[in-house]
C-alpha atoms as a PDB file:
ATOM      1  CA  MET A   1     -19.473 -17.692  30.653  1.00  0.00           C
ATOM      2  CA  LYS A   2     -22.136 -17.762  28.058  1.00  0.00           C
ATOM      3  CA  LYS A   3     -20.335 -14.681  26.106  1.00  0.00           C
ATOM      4  CA  ILE A   4     -17.245 -16.871  26.007  1.00  0.00           C
ATOM      5  CA  PHE A   5     -18.836 -19.674  24.467  1.00  0.00           C
ATOM      6  CA  LEU A   6     -20.675 -17.558  22.146  1.00  0.00           C
ATOM      7  CA  VAL A   7     -17.280 -16.185  20.718  1.00  0.00           C
ATOM      8  CA  PHE A   8     -16.249 -19.639  20.602  1.00  0.00           C
ATOM      9  CA  LEU A   9     -19.283 -20.899  18.506  1.00  0.00           C
ATOM     10  CA  LEU A  10     -18.809 -17.916  16.069  1.00  0.00           C
ATOM     11  CA  THR A  11     -15.098 -18.407  15.663  1.00  0.00           C
ATOM     12  CA  ILE A  12     -15.613 -22.367  14.684  1.00  0.00           C
ATOM     13  CA  ASN A  13     -18.196 -21.233  12.303  1.00  0.00           C
ATOM     14  CA  LEU A  14     -16.062 -18.667  10.466  1.00  0.00           C
ATOM     15  CA  PHE A  15     -13.111 -21.430  10.447  1.00  0.00           C
ATOM     16  CA  ASP A  16     -15.539 -23.865   8.926  1.00  0.00           C
ATOM     17  CA  HIS A  17     -16.801 -21.372   6.125  1.00  0.00           C
ATOM     18  CA  THR A  18     -13.380 -20.570   5.432  1.00  0.00           C
ATOM     19  CA  LEU A  19     -12.559 -24.431   5.080  1.00  0.00           C
ATOM     20  CA  GLN A  20     -15.501 -24.768   2.902  1.00  0.00           C
ATOM     21  CA  ALA A  21     -14.706 -21.952   0.568  1.00  0.00           C
ATOM     22  CA  GLN A  22     -11.302 -23.089   0.322  1.00  0.00           C
ATOM     23  CA  ARG A  23     -12.427 -26.708  -0.839  1.00  0.00           C
ATOM     24  CA  GLN A  24     -14.843 -25.139  -3.471  1.00  0.00           C
ATOM     25  CA  TYR A  25     -11.287 -23.573  -5.233  1.00  0.00           C
ATOM     26  CA  ASN A  26      -8.218 -25.188  -6.107  1.00  0.00           C
ATOM     27  CA  PHE A  27      -5.501 -23.145  -4.991  1.00  0.00           C
ATOM     28  CA  SER A  28      -2.509 -25.593  -5.580  1.00  0.00           C
ATOM     29  CA  LEU A  29      -0.864 -23.359  -7.875  1.00  0.00           C
ATOM     30  CA  VAL A  30      -0.591 -20.232  -5.576  1.00  0.00           C
ATOM     31  CA  ASP A  31       0.385 -22.927  -2.818  1.00  0.00           C
ATOM     32  CA  THR A  32       3.080 -24.486  -4.912  1.00  0.00           C
ATOM     33  CA  LYS A  33       4.410 -21.080  -5.999  1.00  0.00           C
ATOM     34  CA  ILE A  34       4.899 -19.742  -2.617  1.00  0.00           C
ATOM     35  CA  GLN A  35       6.269 -23.019  -1.189  1.00  0.00           C
ATOM     36  CA  SER A  36       8.723 -22.841  -4.153  1.00  0.00           C
ATOM     37  CA  TRP A  37      10.086 -19.619  -3.209  1.00  0.00           C
ATOM     38  CA  ILE A  38      10.548 -20.796   0.551  1.00  0.00           C
ATOM     39  CA  ASP A  39      12.285 -23.815  -0.513  1.00  0.00           C
ATOM     40  CA  SER A  40      14.612 -21.928  -2.525  1.00  0.00           C
ATOM     41  CA  GLY A  41      15.491 -19.909   0.569  1.00  0.00           C
ATOM     42  CA  PHE A  42      14.126 -16.500  -1.150  1.00  0.00           C
ATOM     43  CA  TYR A  43      11.933 -16.271   2.317  1.00  0.00           C
ATOM     44  CA  LYS A  44      11.949 -17.980   5.705  1.00  0.00           C
ATOM     45  CA  GLY A  45       8.364 -17.686   5.917  1.00  0.00           C
ATOM     46  CA  ALA A  46       5.024 -16.420   4.380  1.00  0.00           C
ATOM     47  CA  SER A  47       1.451 -16.154   4.381  1.00  0.00           C
ATOM     48  CA  ILE A  48      -1.455 -15.231   2.141  1.00  0.00           C
ATOM     49  CA  VAL A  49      -5.041 -14.398   2.613  1.00  0.00           C
ATOM     50  CA  ILE A  50      -7.492 -14.002  -0.499  1.00  0.00           C
ATOM     51  CA  ALA A  51     -11.354 -13.332  -0.111  1.00  0.00           C
ATOM     52  CA  LYS A  52     -13.916 -13.069  -2.560  1.00  0.00           C
ATOM     53  CA  ASP A  53     -17.503 -11.622  -2.140  1.00  0.00           C
ATOM     54  CA  HIS A  54     -16.988 -10.646   1.548  1.00  0.00           C
ATOM     55  CA  GLN A  55     -15.754 -14.263   2.359  1.00  0.00           C
ATOM     56  CA  ILE A  56     -12.116 -15.583   2.810  1.00  0.00           C
ATOM     57  CA  ILE A  57     -11.448 -18.182   0.310  1.00  0.00           C
ATOM     58  CA  PHE A  58      -7.774 -19.150   1.016  1.00  0.00           C
ATOM     59  CA  ASN A  59      -5.853 -18.451   4.453  1.00  0.00           C
ATOM     60  CA  LYS A  60      -2.240 -20.214   4.722  1.00  0.00           C
ATOM     61  CA  TYR A  61       0.938 -19.689   6.671  1.00  0.00           C
ATOM     62  CA  PHE A  62       4.188 -20.821   5.205  1.00  0.00           C
ATOM     63  CA  GLY A  63       7.973 -21.474   6.811  1.00  0.00           C
ATOM     64  CA  ASN A  64       8.150 -19.586  10.222  1.00  0.00           C
ATOM     65  CA  TYR A  65       4.971 -17.221   9.572  1.00  0.00           C
ATOM     66  CA  LYS A  66       2.130 -17.355  12.024  1.00  0.00           C
ATOM     67  CA  PRO A  67      -1.137 -15.700  12.447  1.00  0.00           C
ATOM     68  CA  GLU A  68       0.317 -13.105  14.959  1.00  0.00           C
ATOM     69  CA  THR A  69       3.687 -12.493  12.946  1.00  0.00           C
ATOM     70  CA  VAL A  70       4.096  -8.671  11.830  1.00  0.00           C
ATOM     71  CA  ALA A  71       6.448  -7.922   9.233  1.00  0.00           C
ATOM     72  CA  TYR A  72       7.566  -4.605   7.257  1.00  0.00           C
ATOM     73  CA  ILE A  73       5.817  -4.139   4.234  1.00  0.00           C
ATOM     74  CA  ALA A  74       7.914  -1.474   2.392  1.00  0.00           C
ATOM     75  CA  SER A  75       6.061   0.149  -0.278  1.00  0.00           C
ATOM     76  CA  ALA A  76       2.779  -1.334   0.359  1.00  0.00           C
ATOM     77  CA  GLY A  77       2.622   1.058   3.119  1.00  0.00           C
ATOM     78  CA  LYS A  78       1.877   3.854   0.725  1.00  0.00           C
ATOM     79  CA  TRP A  79      -1.641   2.660   0.199  1.00  0.00           C
ATOM     80  CA  LEU A  80      -2.326   3.027   3.644  1.00  0.00           C
ATOM     81  CA  ALA A  81      -0.645   6.530   3.705  1.00  0.00           C
ATOM     82  CA  SER A  82      -2.815   7.485   0.829  1.00  0.00           C
ATOM     83  CA  ALA A  83      -5.998   6.404   2.568  1.00  0.00           C
ATOM     84  CA  THR A  84      -5.079   8.214   5.706  1.00  0.00           C
ATOM     85  CA  ILE A  85      -4.522  11.490   3.985  1.00  0.00           C
ATOM     86  CA  ALA A  86      -7.642  11.013   2.044  1.00  0.00           C
ATOM     87  CA  ALA A  87      -9.606  10.898   5.384  1.00  0.00           C
ATOM     88  CA  VAL A  88      -7.879  14.098   6.387  1.00  0.00           C
ATOM     89  CA  VAL A  89      -8.966  15.595   2.979  1.00  0.00           C
ATOM     90  CA  GLU A  90     -12.588  14.488   3.715  1.00  0.00           C
ATOM     91  CA  GLU A  91     -12.630  16.520   6.902  1.00  0.00           C
ATOM     92  CA  GLY A  92     -11.714  19.732   4.739  1.00  0.00           C
ATOM     93  CA  LYS A  93      -8.454  20.060   6.423  1.00  0.00           C
ATOM     94  CA  LEU A  94      -6.481  19.571   3.253  1.00  0.00           C
ATOM     95  CA  SER A  95      -7.149  19.317  -0.253  1.00  0.00           C
ATOM     96  CA  TRP A  96      -5.890  17.401  -3.083  1.00  0.00           C
ATOM     97  CA  ASP A  97      -4.810  20.586  -4.883  1.00  0.00           C
ATOM     98  CA  ASP A  98      -3.321  22.358  -2.239  1.00  0.00           C
ATOM     99  CA  PRO A  99       0.441  23.414  -3.174  1.00  0.00           C
ATOM    100  CA  VAL A 100       3.104  22.498  -0.961  1.00  0.00           C
ATOM    101  CA  GLU A 101       3.799  26.245  -0.310  1.00  0.00           C
ATOM    102  CA  LYS A 102       0.574  26.501   1.675  1.00  0.00           C
ATOM    103  CA  TRP A 103       1.598  24.487   4.340  1.00  0.00           C
ATOM    104  CA  LEU A 104       5.294  24.898   4.100  1.00  0.00           C
ATOM    105  CA  PRO A 105       6.219  28.245   2.820  1.00  0.00           C
ATOM    106  CA  GLU A 106       9.944  27.388   3.063  1.00  0.00           C
ATOM    107  CA  PHE A 107       9.387  25.170  -0.383  1.00  0.00           C
ATOM    108  CA  THR A 108       9.376  27.757  -2.938  1.00  0.00           C
ATOM    109  CA  GLY A 109       9.533  27.849  -7.028  1.00  0.00           C
ATOM    110  CA  GLN A 110       8.713  24.388  -8.726  1.00  0.00           C
ATOM    111  CA  LYS A 111       8.819  22.488  -5.459  1.00  0.00           C
ATOM    112  CA  GLY A 112       6.422  24.631  -3.833  1.00  0.00           C
ATOM    113  CA  ASN A 113       4.133  24.843  -6.540  1.00  0.00           C
ATOM    114  CA  ALA A 114       3.608  20.845  -6.661  1.00  0.00           C
ATOM    115  CA  THR A 115       0.266  19.753  -5.258  1.00  0.00           C
ATOM    116  CA  LEU A 116      -0.747  17.062  -2.725  1.00  0.00           C
ATOM    117  CA  ARG A 117      -2.073  14.894  -5.423  1.00  0.00           C
ATOM    118  CA  GLN A 118       1.158  15.198  -7.464  1.00  0.00           C
ATOM    119  CA  LEU A 119       2.994  14.296  -4.056  1.00  0.00           C
ATOM    120  CA  LEU A 120       1.099  11.273  -3.852  1.00  0.00           C
ATOM    121  CA  SER A 121       1.199  10.369  -7.192  1.00  0.00           C
ATOM    122  CA  HIS A 122       4.993  10.440  -7.940  1.00  0.00           C
ATOM    123  CA  THR A 123       4.534  13.404 -10.170  1.00  0.00           C
ATOM    124  CA  ALA A 124       5.673  16.288  -8.021  1.00  0.00           C
ATOM    125  CA  GLY A 125       9.176  16.538  -9.831  1.00  0.00           C
ATOM    126  CA  TYR A 126      10.879  15.928  -6.539  1.00  0.00           C
ATOM    127  CA  PRO A 127      13.987  13.401  -6.256  1.00  0.00           C
ATOM    128  CA  ASP A 128      12.923  10.118  -5.918  1.00  0.00           C
ATOM    129  CA  TYR A 129      15.229   9.174  -3.094  1.00  0.00           C
ATOM    130  CA  GLN A 130      18.052  10.952  -1.207  1.00  0.00           C
ATOM    131  CA  PRO A 131      21.080  11.293  -3.624  1.00  0.00           C
ATOM    132  CA  GLN A 132      23.826   8.648  -3.344  1.00  0.00           C
ATOM    133  CA  GLY A 133      26.483   9.740  -0.511  1.00  0.00           C
ATOM    134  CA  VAL A 134      23.648  11.668   1.405  1.00  0.00           C
ATOM    135  CA  ARG A 135      22.273  10.303   4.664  1.00  0.00           C
ATOM    136  CA  PRO A 136      19.082   8.297   3.929  1.00  0.00           C
ATOM    137  CA  ASP A 137      15.742   9.806   4.896  1.00  0.00           C
ATOM    138  CA  ASN A 138      15.918   8.112   8.563  1.00  0.00           C
ATOM    139  CA  TYR A 139      15.396  11.397  10.562  1.00  0.00           C
ATOM    140  CA  GLN A 140      14.038  11.706  13.947  1.00  0.00           C
ATOM    141  CA  THR A 141      10.385  13.385  12.758  1.00  0.00           C
ATOM    142  CA  LEU A 142       8.780  14.197   9.382  1.00  0.00           C
ATOM    143  CA  LYS A 143       9.862  17.686  10.548  1.00  0.00           C
ATOM    144  CA  GLU A 144      13.270  16.965  10.526  1.00  0.00           C
ATOM    145  CA  ALA A 145      12.931  14.883   7.268  1.00  0.00           C
ATOM    146  CA  VAL A 146      11.349  17.629   5.327  1.00  0.00           C
ATOM    147  CA  ILE A 147      13.816  20.095   6.458  1.00  0.00           C
ATOM    148  CA  ASN A 148      16.477  17.810   4.587  1.00  0.00           C
ATOM    149  CA  ILE A 149      14.124  17.705   1.469  1.00  0.00           C
ATOM    150  CA  VAL A 150      13.547  21.393   1.243  1.00  0.00           C
ATOM    151  CA  ASP A 151      17.250  22.120  -0.379  1.00  0.00           C
ATOM    152  CA  LEU A 152      17.282  18.984  -3.029  1.00  0.00           C
ATOM    153  CA  PRO A 153      16.761  20.599  -6.274  1.00  0.00           C
ATOM    154  CA  ALA A 154      13.602  19.824  -8.192  1.00  0.00           C
ATOM    155  CA  ASP A 155      13.975  16.976 -11.040  1.00  0.00           C
ATOM    156  CA  THR A 156      11.070  18.388 -12.924  1.00  0.00           C
ATOM    157  CA  ILE A 157       8.358  20.834 -13.665  1.00  0.00           C
ATOM    158  CA  PRO A 158       5.415  19.436 -11.413  1.00  0.00           C
ATOM    159  CA  GLY A 159       2.893  17.401 -13.295  1.00  0.00           C
ATOM    160  CA  THR A 160       5.480  16.504 -16.315  1.00  0.00           C
ATOM    161  CA  LYS A 161       7.291  13.280 -15.333  1.00  0.00           C
ATOM    162  CA  PHE A 162       6.462   9.980 -13.361  1.00  0.00           C
ATOM    163  CA  ARG A 163       9.210   9.237 -10.847  1.00  0.00           C
ATOM    164  CA  TYR A 164       8.495   6.298  -8.417  1.00  0.00           C
ATOM    165  CA  GLY A 165       9.966   7.197  -4.810  1.00  0.00           C
ATOM    166  CA  GLY A 166       9.405   7.914  -1.326  1.00  0.00           C
ATOM    167  CA  LEU A 167      10.462  11.637  -0.402  1.00  0.00           C
ATOM    168  CA  ALA A 168       7.218  13.184  -1.949  1.00  0.00           C
ATOM    169  CA  MET A 169       5.406  11.294   0.269  1.00  0.00           C
ATOM    170  CA  GLN A 170       7.333  12.608   3.487  1.00  0.00           C
ATOM    171  CA  VAL A 171       6.228  16.157   2.442  1.00  0.00           C
ATOM    172  CA  ALA A 172       2.694  15.189   1.800  1.00  0.00           C
ATOM    173  CA  GLY A 173       2.614  13.365   5.625  1.00  0.00           C
ATOM    174  CA  ARG A 174       4.068  16.666   7.046  1.00  0.00           C
ATOM    175  CA  MET A 175       1.131  18.472   5.230  1.00  0.00           C
ATOM    176  CA  ALA A 176      -1.277  16.384   6.807  1.00  0.00           C
ATOM    177  CA  GLU A 177       0.607  16.980  10.394  1.00  0.00           C
ATOM    178  CA  LEU A 178       0.459  20.571   9.940  1.00  0.00           C
ATOM    179  CA  ALA A 179      -3.198  20.583   8.884  1.00  0.00           C
ATOM    180  CA  THR A 180      -4.394  18.485  11.642  1.00  0.00           C
ATOM    181  CA  GLY A 181      -2.172  19.495  14.447  1.00  0.00           C
ATOM    182  CA  LYS A 182      -1.173  15.535  15.202  1.00  0.00           C
ATOM    183  CA  SER A 183       1.632  13.274  14.793  1.00  0.00           C
ATOM    184  CA  TRP A 184       1.474  11.197  11.612  1.00  0.00           C
ATOM    185  CA  GLU A 185       1.156   7.838  13.612  1.00  0.00           C
ATOM    186  CA  SER A 186      -1.838   9.529  15.396  1.00  0.00           C
ATOM    187  CA  ILE A 187      -3.465  10.668  12.513  1.00  0.00           C
ATOM    188  CA  PHE A 188      -3.200   7.041  10.931  1.00  0.00           C
ATOM    189  CA  GLN A 189      -4.302   5.127  14.030  1.00  0.00           C
ATOM    190  CA  GLU A 190      -7.161   7.572  14.326  1.00  0.00           C
ATOM    191  CA  LYS A 191      -8.326   7.393  10.716  1.00  0.00           C
ATOM    192  CA  ILE A 192      -7.550   4.113   9.474  1.00  0.00           C
ATOM    193  CA  ALA A 193      -6.038   1.615  11.810  1.00  0.00           C
ATOM    194  CA  LEU A 194      -8.211   1.818  14.874  1.00  0.00           C
ATOM    195  CA  PRO A 195     -11.625   1.882  12.731  1.00  0.00           C
ATOM    196  CA  LEU A 196     -10.361  -0.888  10.678  1.00  0.00           C
ATOM    197  CA  GLU A 197      -9.163  -3.314  13.792  1.00  0.00           C
ATOM    198  CA  MET A 198      -5.557  -3.166  12.195  1.00  0.00           C
ATOM    199  CA  LYS A 199      -4.249  -3.679  15.802  1.00  0.00           C
ATOM    200  CA  ASP A 200      -0.782  -4.572  14.888  1.00  0.00           C
ATOM    201  CA  THR A 201      -0.030  -2.042  12.058  1.00  0.00           C
ATOM    202  CA  HIS A 202       1.919   0.989  12.609  1.00  0.00           C
ATOM    203  CA  PHE A 203       4.204   3.471  10.614  1.00  0.00           C
ATOM    204  CA  THR A 204       7.665   2.796  12.071  1.00  0.00           C
ATOM    205  CA  PRO A 205      11.475   3.180  11.191  1.00  0.00           C
ATOM    206  CA  VAL A 206      12.458   0.695   8.569  1.00  0.00           C
ATOM    207  CA  ASP A 207      15.742   0.231  10.782  1.00  0.00           C
ATOM    208  CA  GLU A 208      13.783  -0.791  13.717  1.00  0.00           C
ATOM    209  CA  THR A 209      15.239   1.862  15.952  1.00  0.00           C
ATOM    210  CA  PRO A 210      12.788   3.550  18.097  1.00  0.00           C
ATOM    211  CA  GLY A 211      11.901   7.472  17.618  1.00  0.00           C
ATOM    212  CA  HIS A 212      13.099   7.780  13.904  1.00  0.00           C
ATOM    213  CA  ASN A 213      10.329   9.190  11.510  1.00  0.00           C
ATOM    214  CA  PRO A 214       7.045   7.516  10.169  1.00  0.00           C
ATOM    215  CA  MET A 215       8.295   6.741   6.422  1.00  0.00           C
ATOM    216  CA  LEU A 216       5.170   6.890   4.696  1.00  0.00           C
ATOM    217  CA  GLY A 217       6.607   5.209   1.646  1.00  0.00           C
ATOM    218  CA  GLY A 218       8.578   2.613   3.158  1.00  0.00           C
ATOM    219  CA  GLY A 219       8.097   2.531   6.954  1.00  0.00           C
ATOM    220  CA  ALA A 220       4.723   0.595   7.802  1.00  0.00           C
ATOM    221  CA  ARG A 221       4.679  -2.912   9.272  1.00  0.00           C
ATOM    222  CA  CYS A 222       1.905  -5.044   9.785  1.00  0.00           C
ATOM    223  CA  ARG A 223       0.067  -8.640  10.204  1.00  0.00           C
ATOM    224  CA  LEU A 224      -1.604 -10.429   7.773  1.00  0.00           C
ATOM    225  CA  ASP A 225      -5.250  -9.911   8.733  1.00  0.00           C
ATOM    226  CA  ASP A 226      -4.731  -6.363   9.482  1.00  0.00           C
ATOM    227  CA  TYR A 227      -3.912  -5.517   6.010  1.00  0.00           C
ATOM    228  CA  GLY A 228      -6.854  -7.834   4.589  1.00  0.00           C
ATOM    229  CA  HIS A 229      -9.507  -5.264   6.610  1.00  0.00           C
ATOM    230  CA  PHE A 230      -8.010  -2.522   4.605  1.00  0.00           C
ATOM    231  CA  LEU A 231      -8.495  -4.111   1.485  1.00  0.00           C
ATOM    232  CA  ASP A 232     -12.075  -5.512   2.489  1.00  0.00           C
ATOM    233  CA  MET A 233     -12.865  -1.704   3.125  1.00  0.00           C
ATOM    234  CA  ILE A 234     -11.050  -0.626  -0.119  1.00  0.00           C
ATOM    235  CA  LEU A 235     -13.065  -3.223  -2.151  1.00  0.00           C
ATOM    236  CA  HIS A 236     -16.464  -2.605  -0.793  1.00  0.00           C
ATOM    237  CA  ASP A 237     -16.086   1.321  -1.774  1.00  0.00           C
ATOM    238  CA  GLY A 238     -14.787   2.524   1.797  1.00  0.00           C
ATOM    239  CA  VAL A 239     -17.417   0.432   4.234  1.00  0.00           C
ATOM    240  CA  PHE A 240     -15.801  -2.125   6.823  1.00  0.00           C
ATOM    241  CA  LYS A 241     -18.112  -4.131   8.768  1.00  0.00           C
ATOM    242  CA  GLY A 242     -21.151  -1.760   7.957  1.00  0.00           C
ATOM    243  CA  LYS A 243     -19.365   1.225   8.849  1.00  0.00           C
ATOM    244  CA  ARG A 244     -18.042   4.149   6.573  1.00  0.00           C
ATOM    245  CA  ILE A 245     -14.600   4.447   6.951  1.00  0.00           C
ATOM    246  CA  LEU A 246     -13.684   6.422   3.698  1.00  0.00           C
ATOM    247  CA  SER A 247     -16.256   7.910   1.255  1.00  0.00           C
ATOM    248  CA  GLN A 248     -16.867   6.628  -2.189  1.00  0.00           C
ATOM    249  CA  LYS A 249     -15.310   9.942  -3.651  1.00  0.00           C
ATOM    250  CA  SER A 250     -12.084   9.244  -1.983  1.00  0.00           C
ATOM    251  CA  ILE A 251     -11.949   5.591  -2.947  1.00  0.00           C
ATOM    252  CA  ASN A 252     -12.727   6.868  -6.432  1.00  0.00           C
ATOM    253  CA  GLU A 253      -9.989   9.662  -6.461  1.00  0.00           C
ATOM    254  CA  MET A 254      -7.573   7.096  -5.175  1.00  0.00           C
ATOM    255  CA  GLN A 255      -8.080   4.638  -7.721  1.00  0.00           C
ATOM    256  CA  LYS A 256      -8.458   6.871 -11.028  1.00  0.00           C
ATOM    257  CA  ASP A 257      -5.420   7.872 -13.121  1.00  0.00           C
ATOM    258  CA  GLN A 258      -3.284  10.632 -11.179  1.00  0.00           C
ATOM    259  CA  VAL A 259      -0.485  10.648 -13.777  1.00  0.00           C
ATOM    260  CA  ARG A 260      -2.475  12.848 -16.143  1.00  0.00           C
ATOM    261  CA  GLY A 261      -0.339  12.476 -18.866  1.00  0.00           C
ATOM    262  CA  ALA A 262       2.953  12.743 -17.275  1.00  0.00           C
ATOM    263  CA  ALA A 263       5.553  11.276 -19.155  1.00  0.00           C
ATOM    264  CA  VAL A 264       6.218   7.591 -18.139  1.00  0.00           C
ATOM    265  CA  ARG A 265       9.732   6.214 -18.708  1.00  0.00           C
ATOM    266  CA  LYS A 266      10.226   3.010 -20.392  1.00  0.00           C
ATOM    267  CA  GLY A 267      10.263  -0.053 -18.227  1.00  0.00           C
ATOM    268  CA  GLU A 268       8.071   1.229 -15.196  1.00  0.00           C
ATOM    269  CA  TYR A 269       6.586  -1.265 -12.943  1.00  0.00           C
ATOM    270  CA  VAL A 270       3.134  -1.845 -15.171  1.00  0.00           C
ATOM    271  CA  GLU A 271       5.388  -2.312 -18.160  1.00  0.00           C
ATOM    272  CA  ARG A 272       7.370  -5.112 -16.543  1.00  0.00           C
ATOM    273  CA  ALA A 273       5.047  -6.828 -14.651  1.00  0.00           C
ATOM    274  CA  ARG A 274       2.098  -6.811 -16.976  1.00  0.00           C
ATOM    275  CA  GLY A 275       3.606  -6.011 -20.380  1.00  0.00           C
ATOM    276  CA  GLU A 276       1.457  -3.144 -20.886  1.00  0.00           C
ATOM    277  CA  ARG A 277       2.972   0.334 -22.070  1.00  0.00           C
ATOM    278  CA  ARG A 278       0.795   3.001 -21.080  1.00  0.00           C
ATOM    279  CA  ARG A 279       0.704   6.101 -18.960  1.00  0.00           C
ATOM    280  CA  ASP A 280      -2.228   5.785 -16.781  1.00  0.00           C
ATOM    281  CA  ILE A 281      -0.421   3.520 -14.091  1.00  0.00           C
ATOM    282  CA  TYR A 282      -0.902   5.192 -10.936  1.00  0.00           C
ATOM    283  CA  GLY A 283      -3.449   6.675  -8.638  1.00  0.00           C
ATOM    284  CA  LEU A 284      -2.704   7.942  -5.228  1.00  0.00           C
ATOM    285  CA  GLY A 285      -0.769   5.268  -3.297  1.00  0.00           C
ATOM    286  CA  GLU A 286      -1.657   2.515  -5.652  1.00  0.00           C
ATOM    287  CA  TRP A 287      -0.671   1.020  -9.186  1.00  0.00           C
ATOM    288  CA  ARG A 288      -3.359   0.606 -11.781  1.00  0.00           C
ATOM    289  CA  GLU A 289      -1.708  -2.831 -13.075  1.00  0.00           C
ATOM    290  CA  GLU A 290      -4.913  -3.503 -15.386  1.00  0.00           C
ATOM    291  CA  THR A 291      -7.616  -1.074 -16.970  1.00  0.00           C
ATOM    292  CA  ASP A 292     -10.742  -1.445 -18.909  1.00  0.00           C
ATOM    293  CA  ALA A 293     -11.554  -0.120 -22.489  1.00  0.00           C
ATOM    294  CA  SER A 294     -12.946   2.872 -20.548  1.00  0.00           C
ATOM    295  CA  GLY A 295      -9.856   3.411 -18.410  1.00  0.00           C
ATOM    296  CA  ASN A 296     -11.130   2.173 -15.421  1.00  0.00           C
ATOM    297  CA  PRO A 297      -9.233   0.257 -13.198  1.00  0.00           C
ATOM    298  CA  THR A 298      -9.381  -3.245 -12.925  1.00  0.00           C
ATOM    299  CA  LEU A 299      -6.238  -4.823 -11.016  1.00  0.00           C
ATOM    300  CA  ILE A 300      -4.911  -2.372  -8.339  1.00  0.00           C
ATOM    301  CA  SER A 301      -2.040  -2.800  -5.923  1.00  0.00           C
ATOM    302  CA  SER A 302       0.901  -1.449  -3.952  1.00  0.00           C
ATOM    303  CA  PRO A 303       3.838  -3.941  -4.210  1.00  0.00           C
ATOM    304  CA  GLY A 304       6.646  -3.581  -1.717  1.00  0.00           C
ATOM    305  CA  TRP A 305      10.609  -4.232  -2.801  1.00  0.00           C
ATOM    306  CA  ALA A 306      10.769  -7.160  -0.117  1.00  0.00           C
ATOM    307  CA  GLY A 307       7.965  -9.214  -1.141  1.00  0.00           C
ATOM    308  CA  ALA A 308       4.682  -7.830   0.333  1.00  0.00           C
ATOM    309  CA  TYR A 309       1.998  -7.567  -2.339  1.00  0.00           C
ATOM    310  CA  PRO A 310      -1.781  -6.432  -1.600  1.00  0.00           C
ATOM    311  CA  TRP A 311      -4.052  -6.482  -4.650  1.00  0.00           C
ATOM    312  CA  ILE A 312      -7.801  -6.080  -5.426  1.00  0.00           C
ATOM    313  CA  ASP A 313      -9.079  -7.734  -8.373  1.00  0.00           C
ATOM    314  CA  LYS A 314     -12.446  -5.752  -9.473  1.00  0.00           C
ATOM    315  CA  LYS A 315     -13.347  -8.029 -12.221  1.00  0.00           C
ATOM    316  CA  ASN A 316     -13.816 -10.916  -9.759  1.00  0.00           C
ATOM    317  CA  ASN A 317     -14.477  -9.029  -6.583  1.00  0.00           C
ATOM    318  CA  VAL A 318     -11.421 -10.307  -4.861  1.00  0.00           C
ATOM    319  CA  TYR A 319      -8.978  -8.908  -2.565  1.00  0.00           C
ATOM    320  CA  GLY A 320      -5.600 -10.788  -1.695  1.00  0.00           C
ATOM    321  CA  PHE A 321      -2.486  -9.948   0.601  1.00  0.00           C
ATOM    322  CA  PHE A 322       0.727 -11.626   0.290  1.00  0.00           C
ATOM    323  CA  LEU A 323       3.099 -10.877   3.351  1.00  0.00           C
ATOM    324  CA  ALA A 324       6.689 -11.995   3.038  1.00  0.00           C
ATOM    325  CA  ARG A 325      10.124 -10.272   3.675  1.00  0.00           C
ATOM    326  CA  ILE A 326      12.638 -11.230   1.342  1.00  0.00           C
ATOM    327  CA  SER A 327      15.621 -13.178   2.860  1.00  0.00           C
ATOM    328  CA  HIS A 328      18.068 -14.127  -0.038  1.00  0.00           C
ATOM    329  CA  THR A 329      18.094 -12.779  -3.714  1.00  0.00           C
ATOM    330  CA  ARG A 330      19.640 -15.541  -5.376  1.00  0.00           C
ATOM    331  CA  ASN A 331      19.557 -16.166  -9.356  1.00  0.00           C
ATOM    332  CA  GLY A 332      18.362 -12.806 -10.036  1.00  0.00           C
ATOM    333  CA  PHE A 333      14.978 -13.411  -8.056  1.00  0.00           C
ATOM    334  CA  SER A 334      13.221  -9.803  -7.526  1.00  0.00           C
ATOM    335  CA  SER A 335      10.615 -10.278  -5.068  1.00  0.00           C
ATOM    336  CA  PHE A 336       8.805  -7.102  -6.568  1.00  0.00           C
ATOM    337  CA  TYR A 337       8.221  -8.542  -9.652  1.00  0.00           C
ATOM    338  CA  ALA A 338       7.583 -12.451  -8.630  1.00  0.00           C
ATOM    339  CA  SER A 339       4.860 -11.417  -6.497  1.00  0.00           C
ATOM    340  CA  PRO A 340       2.606  -9.917  -9.210  1.00  0.00           C
ATOM    341  CA  VAL A 341       1.850 -13.711 -10.323  1.00  0.00           C
ATOM    342  CA  LEU A 342      -0.283 -14.586  -7.434  1.00  0.00           C
ATOM    343  CA  PRO A 343      -3.533 -12.504  -8.675  1.00  0.00           C
ATOM    344  CA  MET A 344      -3.145 -14.532 -12.167  1.00  0.00           C
ATOM    345  CA  LEU A 345      -2.920 -17.680 -10.345  1.00  0.00           C
ATOM    346  CA  VAL A 346      -6.087 -16.833  -8.111  1.00  0.00           C
ATOM    347  CA  ARG A 347      -7.887 -16.010 -11.353  1.00  0.00           C
ATOM    348  CA  GLU A 348      -7.056 -19.517 -12.640  1.00  0.00           C
ATOM    349  CA  ALA A 349      -8.290 -20.913  -9.371  1.00  0.00           C
ATOM    350  CA  LEU A 350     -11.600 -19.200  -9.848  1.00  0.00           C
ATOM    351  CA  LYS A 351     -12.139 -20.573 -13.210  1.00  0.00           C
END
């Protein structure tokens, strides 16, 4: 009975601290923006959590979303996938510079020469998605998915062009499976989800049919606070609740420029979202939306096409996660390019 009462008191205390933090800042612009998306019918529901200096400063649910709501997060899962592979690299079972052919000898030529880091930074020279008219990447296992990638022609020489997509990440996931002898979901749960208490986060098929492969680039689903735990760990250099999940070296590797001079076509995400035309726009599974004069990232993110948007603002020691899934695209609304306004509104609230 005493234990239950203690948990109750801790919960009340945490809720009180959150309310005090929310009163300290004016998040009306954030609130109004998200509510306008709901009122316009773009989303049936949404939720957001924002934290600064280890403390949640804003947390709200809109429409039909509740704390227990789980939603597919599309490309926001790329960040989770890269962190999972980073954990395997830390074990020494993979290297960022392992060529694909080391683990998958059926990949020959340019595709076999591509490295693990290139697979996760969209510079491997692979097609971004399956060609039009070909079955989409919804096979039963990563093994089967990779079988249907191996015969696709390479787009470019590895390291020469940045092409944002998902197929190359499937190959990276299969390399992790072969290196560990475990399924992708098992690796993710062991290395990331369970240590971070992400109880409702899984890599599952986007069409919700049981048994399909875990699409690393778009098949993750989660709850709001689950992803918040992940961002808390990344913001604090790999440590969550006093326990190290990833090394500082891995965090740095994920965040540094992995495009490495590869050509970036006009109108890529960072240019459209932030108005900056540069090449150093991507790390491993994450966008480098803003950088400082020395090229260090100050705003990193992993937006999903359907609205989910996780970010870390290193200027203000802030992380945020907007969880939503598009319902209607009216009047040219793009959730992929709408969500990036949120960290800018948060910065206004912090002034």
